[in-house]
Amino acid sequence: MDKVNYNRIKAILAEKNVSSKNLAKHLGKTESTVSRWCTNDVQPSVEVFYQIAQFLKVDIRELFVPTKND
């Protein structure tokens, strides 16, 4: 089965020119944890998604892969 991408954390980090290391430090998480989010191996909690959105100054919806095309 193909791996499903649920979040766009890696893409948004690249767009904002922010390292995963900086995100990990801000959230008090390990770089390994953030790496697993970026590769969609695991997903952060809703609360952590909110913190990520605030840190990156984006709407939380931008962190997710759209479920439909408008």
N, C-alpha and C. Protein backbone atom coordinates (compact mmCIF):
# COMPACT_ATOMS: atom_id res chain seq x y z
N MET A 1 0.84 -1.18 0.00
CA MET A 1 0.00 0.00 0.00
C MET A 1 0.88 1.24 0.00
N ASP A 2 0.50 2.22 -0.80
CA ASP A 2 1.26 3.47 -0.87
C ASP A 2 1.08 4.28 0.41
N LYS A 3 2.14 4.97 0.76
CA LYS A 3 2.10 5.83 1.94
C LYS A 3 1.26 7.07 1.62
N VAL A 4 0.38 7.44 2.53
CA VAL A 4 -0.49 8.59 2.33
C VAL A 4 0.10 9.79 3.05
N ASN A 5 0.15 10.91 2.35
CA ASN A 5 0.60 12.15 2.97
C ASN A 5 -0.62 12.88 3.51
N TYR A 6 -0.60 13.14 4.81
CA TYR A 6 -1.70 13.84 5.45
C TYR A 6 -1.37 15.30 5.72
N ASN A 7 -0.09 15.56 5.97
CA ASN A 7 0.27 16.95 6.29
C ASN A 7 1.31 17.48 5.32
N ARG A 8 1.44 18.81 5.33
CA ARG A 8 2.37 19.52 4.46
C ARG A 8 3.44 20.25 5.27
N ILE A 9 3.74 19.74 6.45
CA ILE A 9 4.68 20.43 7.33
C ILE A 9 6.02 20.65 6.63
N LYS A 10 6.53 19.63 5.98
CA LYS A 10 7.83 19.74 5.30
C LYS A 10 7.80 20.82 4.23
N ALA A 11 6.72 20.86 3.44
CA ALA A 11 6.60 21.85 2.36
C ALA A 11 6.50 23.27 2.92
N ILE A 12 5.72 23.44 3.98
CA ILE A 12 5.57 24.77 4.57
C ILE A 12 6.88 25.24 5.20
N LEU A 13 7.60 24.34 5.84
CA LEU A 13 8.91 24.70 6.39
C LEU A 13 9.82 25.21 5.27
N ALA A 14 9.82 24.51 4.13
CA ALA A 14 10.65 24.92 3.00
C ALA A 14 10.20 26.28 2.46
N GLU A 15 8.88 26.47 2.32
CA GLU A 15 8.35 27.74 1.81
C GLU A 15 8.73 28.91 2.72
N LYS A 16 8.73 28.66 4.02
CA LYS A 16 9.02 29.71 5.00
C LYS A 16 10.51 29.81 5.31
N ASN A 17 11.31 28.92 4.71
CA ASN A 17 12.76 28.88 4.94
C ASN A 17 13.09 28.72 6.43
N VAL A 18 12.36 27.80 7.06
CA VAL A 18 12.56 27.48 8.48
C VAL A 18 13.02 26.03 8.56
N SER A 19 13.99 25.78 9.39
CA SER A 19 14.50 24.41 9.52
C SER A 19 13.63 23.61 10.49
N SER A 20 13.64 22.32 10.30
CA SER A 20 12.91 21.45 11.21
C SER A 20 13.55 21.52 12.60
N LYS A 21 14.83 21.80 12.64
CA LYS A 21 15.53 21.96 13.92
C LYS A 21 14.96 23.15 14.70
N ASN A 22 14.71 24.26 14.00
CA ASN A 22 14.13 25.43 14.66
C ASN A 22 12.72 25.15 15.15
N LEU A 23 11.95 24.43 14.35
CA LEU A 23 10.59 24.06 14.77
C LEU A 23 10.64 23.18 16.00
N ALA A 24 11.52 22.19 15.99
CA ALA A 24 11.65 21.28 17.13
C ALA A 24 12.02 22.06 18.39
N LYS A 25 12.96 22.97 18.27
CA LYS A 25 13.39 23.76 19.42
C LYS A 25 12.23 24.60 19.96
N HIS A 26 11.49 25.24 19.07
CA HIS A 26 10.36 26.08 19.47
C HIS A 26 9.30 25.27 20.21
N LEU A 27 9.04 24.06 19.74
CA LEU A 27 7.99 23.23 20.32
C LEU A 27 8.46 22.41 21.51
N GLY A 28 9.77 22.38 21.74
CA GLY A 28 10.30 21.55 22.82
C GLY A 28 10.23 20.06 22.47
N LYS A 29 10.36 19.76 21.19
CA LYS A 29 10.32 18.37 20.71
C LYS A 29 11.70 18.01 20.17
N THR A 30 11.92 16.72 19.95
CA THR A 30 13.19 16.30 19.37
C THR A 30 13.15 16.49 17.86
N GLU A 31 14.32 16.62 17.28
CA GLU A 31 14.41 16.73 15.81
C GLU A 31 13.87 15.46 15.17
N SER A 32 14.06 14.34 15.82
CA SER A 32 13.55 13.07 15.31
C SER A 32 12.03 13.08 15.21
N THR A 33 11.38 13.63 16.22
CA THR A 33 9.92 13.71 16.20
C THR A 33 9.44 14.56 15.03
N VAL A 34 10.03 15.73 14.87
CA VAL A 34 9.64 16.62 13.77
C VAL A 34 9.92 15.96 12.43
N SER A 35 11.02 15.25 12.32
CA SER A 35 11.34 14.53 11.09
C SER A 35 10.26 13.51 10.75
N ARG A 36 9.76 12.81 11.75
CA ARG A 36 8.71 11.81 11.51
C ARG A 36 7.41 12.47 11.08
N TRP A 37 7.15 13.68 11.57
CA TRP A 37 5.97 14.43 11.10
C TRP A 37 6.16 14.82 9.65
N CYS A 38 7.37 15.29 9.31
CA CYS A 38 7.65 15.77 7.96
C CYS A 38 7.56 14.65 6.92
N THR A 39 7.85 13.44 7.34
CA THR A 39 7.77 12.30 6.42
C THR A 39 6.43 11.57 6.51
N ASN A 40 5.52 12.12 7.33
CA ASN A 40 4.18 11.54 7.51
C ASN A 40 4.21 10.14 8.10
N ASP A 41 5.28 9.82 8.83
CA ASP A 41 5.31 8.53 9.54
C ASP A 41 4.36 8.54 10.72
N VAL A 42 4.28 9.69 11.39
CA VAL A 42 3.34 9.91 12.49
C VAL A 42 2.78 11.31 12.33
N GLN A 43 1.67 11.58 13.02
CA GLN A 43 1.04 12.90 12.95
C GLN A 43 1.04 13.53 14.34
N PRO A 44 1.29 14.83 14.39
CA PRO A 44 1.19 15.51 15.68
C PRO A 44 -0.28 15.64 16.10
N SER A 45 -0.49 15.97 17.35
CA SER A 45 -1.85 16.19 17.84
C SER A 45 -2.41 17.48 17.25
N VAL A 46 -3.69 17.66 17.37
CA VAL A 46 -4.34 18.88 16.89
C VAL A 46 -3.73 20.10 17.58
N GLU A 47 -3.47 19.96 18.87
CA GLU A 47 -2.89 21.07 19.62
C GLU A 47 -1.51 21.45 19.07
N VAL A 48 -0.73 20.45 18.72
CA VAL A 48 0.61 20.71 18.18
C VAL A 48 0.50 21.29 16.77
N PHE A 49 -0.45 20.81 15.97
CA PHE A 49 -0.67 21.43 14.65
C PHE A 49 -0.96 22.92 14.83
N TYR A 50 -1.76 23.26 15.83
CA TYR A 50 -2.09 24.66 16.10
C TYR A 50 -0.82 25.45 16.44
N GLN A 51 0.03 24.89 17.29
CA GLN A 51 1.28 25.54 17.66
C GLN A 51 2.20 25.72 16.45
N ILE A 52 2.23 24.72 15.59
CA ILE A 52 3.05 24.80 14.37
C ILE A 52 2.54 25.93 13.49
N ALA A 53 1.23 26.00 13.31
CA ALA A 53 0.63 27.04 12.48
C ALA A 53 0.95 28.43 13.03
N GLN A 54 0.87 28.58 14.34
CA GLN A 54 1.20 29.87 14.94
C GLN A 54 2.67 30.22 14.73
N PHE A 55 3.55 29.25 14.93
CA PHE A 55 4.98 29.48 14.77
C PHE A 55 5.32 29.87 13.32
N LEU A 56 4.68 29.20 12.37
CA LEU A 56 4.97 29.46 10.96
C LEU A 56 4.12 30.58 10.38
N LYS A 57 3.20 31.12 11.20
CA LYS A 57 2.33 32.23 10.77
C LYS A 57 1.53 31.86 9.52
N VAL A 58 0.89 30.69 9.59
CA VAL A 58 0.02 30.23 8.50
C VAL A 58 -1.32 29.80 9.09
N ASP A 59 -2.33 29.77 8.24
CA ASP A 59 -3.62 29.21 8.63
C ASP A 59 -3.40 27.71 8.84
N ILE A 60 -3.94 27.17 9.90
CA ILE A 60 -3.73 25.76 10.21
C ILE A 60 -4.11 24.86 9.04
N ARG A 61 -5.08 25.26 8.24
CA ARG A 61 -5.51 24.44 7.10
C ARG A 61 -4.42 24.26 6.06
N GLU A 62 -3.47 25.20 6.01
CA GLU A 62 -2.37 25.08 5.06
C GLU A 62 -1.44 23.92 5.38
N LEU A 63 -1.49 23.45 6.62
CA LEU A 63 -0.62 22.35 7.04
C LEU A 63 -1.12 20.98 6.59
N PHE A 64 -2.34 20.94 6.07
CA PHE A 64 -2.94 19.67 5.67
C PHE A 64 -3.05 19.54 4.17
N VAL A 65 -2.98 18.32 3.69
CA VAL A 65 -3.19 18.02 2.27
C VAL A 65 -4.68 18.17 2.01
N PRO A 66 -5.08 18.93 0.98
CA PRO A 66 -6.51 19.08 0.70
C PRO A 66 -7.19 17.75 0.37
N THR A 67 -8.44 17.64 0.77
CA THR A 67 -9.18 16.42 0.48
C THR A 67 -10.01 16.53 -0.78
N LYS A 68 -10.13 17.76 -1.29
CA LYS A 68 -10.83 17.95 -2.57
C LYS A 68 -10.24 19.15 -3.27
N ASN A 69 -10.38 19.16 -4.57
CA ASN A 69 -9.91 20.29 -5.37
C ASN A 69 -11.08 21.20 -5.67
N ASP A 70 -10.90 22.49 -5.42
CA ASP A 70 -11.97 23.46 -5.69
C ASP A 70 -11.84 24.03 -7.08
